[in-house]
Structures are given as C-alpha cells and as structure tokens.
Amino acid sequence: MNDIEVGNRIRQIRKEFNMNRETFSEMIDISDVFLGQLERGERSLSTKTLIKIINFTGYSSDFILFGNENSNNTICKINRILTKCPDSTLDYFYKLIHNSFYFLKNFNK
C-alpha cells in the first residue's frame, strides 16, 4: 500500500463530492490538517479513519487502499448519490427503484 496513492484516491473522492478539505473532514470527523496530510501521503490511513470514509462516501476499502474498482461499479455510483440525499428524497428513490424493478420483472416474462 502506497500512502501517496491512497491519499490521491481520497482527494479524488473528496473532489467527486465537490467538497473542500474543511467540509469533507467535518463530515468524517477528522481535522482538515490531518486530511491534508492523508491526501499528500504524509500520514498513513488508520482503520478508524478508513471506516469513516467508507461510511460517508460508499467507496470500498479495496478502492481506497488499492485502487481496485468494485465489480459492481454502478451500485457504488448510486450509493454515492444516495449518501447526499435527505431522507424524503431517499424514500422517493426507493419507491422509484422498487416499482421499476417489478415493472421490468413483469415486462420481461
């Protein structure tokens, strides 16, 4: 595991969320200084911080640590969108997906 590469992936994730260091660090409950050190590869990622990033972003540890894309990248993309939504919107998306699934299931019979 290369700390610089891990840091680059964390920066990439943060930028995908359109967040500055201060906001992203607040969301994962670490200091913005520590986040900067992680992104530059000056500090190693702890398991505790890795879990915080995973829980907030929906990215897999396999991607963050090793750069391996998840075998189901579409689910990860959907999860990243959903983590940014308020509960009312999540309920709407759930109903949309649920109804679409059953419509397609019956349509393909």
Protein backbone atom coordinates (compact mmCIF):
# COMPACT_ATOMS: atom_id res chain seq x y z
CA MET A 1 0.00 0.00 0.00
CA ASN A 2 1.41 3.36 -1.05
CA ASP A 3 0.36 6.29 1.17
CA ILE A 4 0.68 8.79 -1.70
CA GLU A 5 -1.60 6.74 -3.96
CA VAL A 6 -4.10 6.25 -1.12
CA GLY A 7 -4.02 10.00 -0.49
CA ASN A 8 -4.62 10.72 -4.15
CA ARG A 9 -7.67 8.45 -4.14
CA ILE A 10 -9.02 10.16 -1.01
CA ARG A 11 -8.55 13.55 -2.72
CA GLN A 12 -10.29 12.20 -5.84
CA ILE A 13 -13.23 11.01 -3.72
CA ARG A 14 -13.45 14.36 -1.90
CA LYS A 15 -13.44 16.26 -5.19
CA GLU A 16 -16.13 13.99 -6.61
CA PHE A 17 -18.28 15.09 -3.68
CA ASN A 18 -17.47 18.72 -4.57
CA MET A 19 -16.21 19.38 -1.06
CA ASN A 20 -13.27 21.35 0.21
CA ARG A 21 -11.00 19.79 2.83
CA GLU A 22 -12.69 21.55 5.69
CA THR A 23 -16.20 20.34 4.82
CA PHE A 24 -15.13 16.79 3.97
CA SER A 25 -13.08 16.49 7.16
CA GLU A 26 -16.06 17.67 9.22
CA MET A 27 -18.25 15.03 7.59
CA ILE A 28 -15.83 12.24 8.50
CA ASP A 29 -14.94 13.75 11.89
CA ILE A 30 -11.22 14.39 11.42
CA SER A 31 -9.27 17.64 11.28
CA ASP A 32 -8.72 19.35 7.94
CA VAL A 33 -4.97 19.38 8.70
CA PHE A 34 -4.98 15.59 9.12
CA LEU A 35 -7.00 15.19 5.92
CA GLY A 36 -4.42 17.30 4.07
CA GLN A 37 -1.63 15.09 5.43
CA LEU A 38 -3.51 11.98 4.31
CA GLU A 39 -4.10 13.40 0.84
CA ARG A 40 -0.41 14.26 0.44
CA GLY A 41 0.66 10.82 1.70
CA GLU A 42 2.42 12.30 4.73
CA ARG A 43 0.35 10.21 7.16
CA SER A 44 -0.97 6.68 6.96
CA LEU A 45 -4.65 5.92 6.99
CA SER A 46 -5.89 4.26 10.19
CA THR A 47 -8.62 1.65 10.17
CA LYS A 48 -10.86 4.02 12.12
CA THR A 49 -10.47 6.82 9.54
CA LEU A 50 -10.85 4.36 6.65
CA ILE A 51 -14.18 3.21 8.09
CA LYS A 52 -15.36 6.82 8.43
CA ILE A 53 -14.53 7.49 4.77
CA ILE A 54 -16.25 4.28 3.65
CA ASN A 55 -19.38 5.00 5.69
CA PHE A 56 -19.66 8.56 4.40
CA THR A 57 -18.77 8.04 0.75
CA GLY A 58 -19.85 4.48 -0.05
CA TYR A 59 -16.49 3.73 -1.64
CA SER A 60 -14.99 0.33 -0.92
CA SER A 61 -11.85 -0.19 1.12
CA ASP A 62 -10.49 -2.12 -1.85
CA PHE A 63 -10.68 1.01 -3.98
CA ILE A 64 -9.35 3.41 -1.34
CA LEU A 65 -6.40 1.21 -0.35
CA PHE A 66 -5.50 -0.49 -3.62
CA GLY A 67 -7.34 1.35 -6.39
CA ASN A 68 -9.35 -1.72 -7.34
CA GLU A 69 -12.72 -0.84 -8.80
CA ASN A 70 -15.67 -2.62 -7.30
CA SER A 71 -17.02 -5.36 -9.52
CA ASN A 72 -20.37 -3.59 -9.45
CA ASN A 73 -19.38 0.00 -10.09
CA THR A 74 -22.97 1.06 -10.83
CA ILE A 75 -24.08 0.22 -7.29
CA CYS A 76 -21.21 2.32 -5.91
CA LYS A 77 -22.21 5.25 -8.12
CA ILE A 78 -25.82 5.01 -6.97
CA ASN A 79 -24.72 4.75 -3.34
CA ARG A 80 -22.56 7.87 -3.65
CA ILE A 81 -25.57 9.82 -4.93
CA LEU A 82 -27.87 8.47 -2.23
CA THR A 83 -25.49 9.35 0.62
CA LYS A 84 -26.01 13.01 -0.28
CA CYS A 85 -29.84 12.87 -0.25
CA PRO A 86 -32.21 13.82 2.58
CA ASP A 87 -34.50 11.08 3.92
CA SER A 88 -37.53 12.36 1.99
CA THR A 89 -35.63 12.02 -1.28
CA LEU A 90 -34.33 8.57 -0.31
CA ASP A 91 -37.89 7.36 0.15
CA TYR A 92 -38.80 8.67 -3.30
CA PHE A 93 -35.81 6.90 -4.90
CA TYR A 94 -36.63 3.67 -3.08
CA LYS A 95 -40.19 3.69 -4.42
CA LEU A 96 -38.94 4.54 -7.91
CA ILE A 97 -36.42 1.69 -7.93
CA HIS A 98 -38.84 -0.75 -6.31
CA ASN A 99 -41.61 -0.05 -8.82
CA SER A 100 -39.21 -0.06 -11.77
CA PHE A 101 -37.83 -3.43 -10.70
CA TYR A 102 -41.27 -5.04 -10.54
CA PHE A 103 -42.37 -3.42 -13.79
CA LEU A 104 -39.31 -4.77 -15.61
CA LYS A 105 -39.68 -8.18 -13.98
CA ASN A 106 -43.26 -8.48 -15.22
CA PHE A 107 -42.47 -6.90 -18.60
CA ASN A 108 -39.73 -9.46 -19.32
CA LYS A 109 -41.98 -12.50 -18.67
